[in-house]
């Protein structure tokens, strides 16, 4: 899987997505399929470079229309409340409960050599994941 081997730094090139020309792509090779049963409905949990840090336990949710960040990641990235912008809509958690977001923040995500700016909705709720990203 190409996202598992992320370079430590940005090489200074502007990504195609940043220029508005391409979308974020997660790629898997035939070697990644070895040992899996096809078709499957397993949860896709990856390590993703967010805000310059390798972040573990990121859920890729093909049904999600937005990116969500949970408190542990927000604190781990040393973000402050004043870094948030307002977000007016409420969300519904996996348990069906209404969640009021703390706000929204734009951070870079890196997969391979591509870097894109993503708006995360920051919620104060429990999750076994550090973040949820929508499937491109």
Protein backbone atom coordinates (compact mmCIF):
# COMPACT_ATOMS: atom_id res chain seq x y z
CA UNK A 1 0.00 0.00 0.00
CA UNK A 2 1.56 3.29 -1.02
CA UNK A 3 0.34 5.33 1.97
CA UNK A 4 2.24 3.13 4.42
CA UNK A 5 5.57 4.41 3.09
CA UNK A 6 5.27 8.15 3.46
CA UNK A 7 8.30 10.38 2.98
CA UNK A 8 9.38 12.25 6.10
CA UNK A 9 9.24 15.68 4.49
CA UNK A 10 7.56 17.54 1.68
CA UNK A 11 9.94 17.77 -1.28
CA UNK A 12 8.81 21.34 -2.00
CA UNK A 13 6.64 20.46 -5.01
CA UNK A 14 3.05 21.61 -5.05
CA UNK A 15 0.69 18.67 -5.44
CA UNK A 16 -1.70 18.35 -8.35
CA UNK A 17 -4.68 18.43 -5.95
CA UNK A 18 -3.48 21.68 -4.46
CA UNK A 19 -3.47 23.05 -8.00
CA UNK A 20 -7.03 21.73 -8.43
CA UNK A 21 -6.07 19.23 -11.13
CA UNK A 22 -6.32 15.79 -9.46
CA UNK A 23 -7.87 13.99 -6.51
CA UNK A 24 -6.30 12.19 -3.58
CA UNK A 25 -5.70 8.51 -4.39
CA UNK A 26 -4.91 5.57 -2.11
CA UNK A 27 -3.20 2.84 -4.12
CA UNK A 28 -2.87 -0.87 -3.37
CA UNK A 29 -0.67 -3.31 -5.26
CA UNK A 30 -1.32 -7.01 -5.93
CA UNK A 31 1.12 -7.81 -3.11
CA UNK A 32 -1.21 -5.97 -0.70
CA UNK A 33 -3.96 -8.49 -1.54
CA UNK A 34 -1.88 -11.51 -0.50
CA UNK A 35 -3.53 -13.23 2.46
CA UNK A 36 -6.88 -11.49 2.05
CA UNK A 37 -10.17 -13.00 0.98
CA UNK A 38 -11.80 -11.21 -1.94
CA UNK A 39 -14.38 -9.70 -1.90
CA UNK A 40 -14.30 -8.52 1.70
CA UNK A 41 -15.91 -5.86 3.85
CA UNK A 42 -13.10 -5.27 6.34
CA UNK A 43 -12.61 -1.83 7.82
CA UNK A 44 -9.75 0.07 6.19
CA UNK A 45 -7.62 1.62 8.94
CA UNK A 46 -4.38 3.27 7.87
CA UNK A 47 -1.49 5.43 9.04
CA UNK A 48 -1.67 8.82 7.33
CA UNK A 49 0.58 11.87 7.46
CA UNK A 50 -1.57 14.70 8.83
CA UNK A 51 -0.15 18.11 9.66
CA UNK A 52 3.40 16.77 9.27
CA UNK A 53 2.92 13.82 11.66
CA UNK A 54 2.34 10.12 10.98
CA UNK A 55 -1.09 9.49 12.49
CA UNK A 56 -2.16 5.91 13.26
CA UNK A 57 -5.70 4.50 13.42
CA UNK A 58 -7.22 6.65 10.67
CA UNK A 59 -10.45 5.12 9.37
CA UNK A 60 -11.15 5.42 5.65
CA UNK A 61 -14.95 5.54 5.45
CA UNK A 62 -16.37 5.28 1.96
CA UNK A 63 -19.76 6.47 3.22
CA UNK A 64 -18.46 9.62 4.87
CA UNK A 65 -18.89 13.02 3.24
CA UNK A 66 -16.51 14.82 5.59
CA UNK A 67 -13.30 14.34 7.51
CA UNK A 68 -13.56 14.08 11.30
CA UNK A 69 -10.89 14.54 13.95
CA UNK A 70 -11.18 13.29 17.53
CA UNK A 71 -9.77 14.93 20.71
CA UNK A 72 -6.68 12.72 21.09
CA UNK A 73 -5.40 13.73 17.66
CA UNK A 74 -6.31 17.39 18.17
CA UNK A 75 -4.31 17.47 21.40
CA UNK A 76 -1.49 15.37 19.93
CA UNK A 77 -1.01 17.84 17.07
CA UNK A 78 -0.78 20.61 19.72
CA UNK A 79 -3.63 22.54 18.15
CA UNK A 80 -5.28 25.32 20.16
CA UNK A 81 -8.95 26.33 20.38
CA UNK A 82 -8.14 29.55 18.51
CA UNK A 83 -6.92 27.42 15.54
CA UNK A 84 -10.54 26.37 14.92
CA UNK A 85 -13.03 28.10 12.67
CA UNK A 86 -16.76 27.92 13.28
CA UNK A 87 -18.78 24.95 12.06
CA UNK A 88 -22.54 25.33 12.46
CA UNK A 89 -24.04 21.91 11.72
CA UNK A 90 -24.45 19.07 14.18
CA UNK A 91 -23.34 15.52 13.35
CA UNK A 92 -24.72 12.08 14.14
CA UNK A 93 -22.28 9.62 15.75
CA UNK A 94 -22.02 5.90 14.95
CA UNK A 95 -24.23 5.31 18.00
CA UNK A 96 -26.93 7.61 16.58
CA UNK A 97 -26.27 10.42 19.08
CA UNK A 98 -26.17 14.07 18.04
CA UNK A 99 -22.68 15.56 18.35
CA UNK A 100 -21.99 19.30 18.36
CA UNK A 101 -18.61 19.96 16.67
CA UNK A 102 -16.04 22.14 18.43
CA UNK A 103 -15.15 23.67 15.06
CA UNK A 104 -13.29 23.07 11.84
CA UNK A 105 -9.60 23.16 10.93
CA UNK A 106 -7.74 22.86 7.63
CA UNK A 107 -4.64 20.64 7.68
CA UNK A 108 -2.40 19.07 5.04
CA UNK A 109 -2.65 15.33 4.40
CA UNK A 110 0.15 13.53 2.57
CA UNK A 111 -0.11 10.24 0.67
CA UNK A 112 3.02 9.35 -1.21
CA UNK A 113 4.22 12.57 -2.80
CA UNK A 114 0.77 14.16 -2.98
CA UNK A 115 -0.22 16.73 -0.36
CA UNK A 116 -3.76 18.06 -0.09
CA UNK A 117 -5.43 20.52 2.27
CA UNK A 118 -8.39 18.93 4.06
CA UNK A 119 -11.04 20.48 6.31
CA UNK A 120 -11.49 18.38 9.46
CA UNK A 121 -14.55 18.71 11.67
CA UNK A 122 -13.29 18.49 15.27
CA UNK A 123 -15.68 16.64 17.57
CA UNK A 124 -15.49 15.98 21.28
CA UNK A 125 -16.62 12.35 21.25
CA UNK A 126 -15.08 8.95 21.91
CA UNK A 127 -13.78 6.91 18.98
CA UNK A 128 -11.32 4.03 18.65
CA UNK A 129 -9.97 5.98 15.64
CA UNK A 130 -7.95 9.20 15.71
CA UNK A 131 -9.65 10.52 12.58
CA UNK A 132 -12.04 9.54 9.80
CA UNK A 133 -11.33 10.46 6.21
CA UNK A 134 -13.75 10.14 3.32
CA UNK A 135 -12.79 7.78 0.56
CA UNK A 136 -11.75 9.81 -2.47
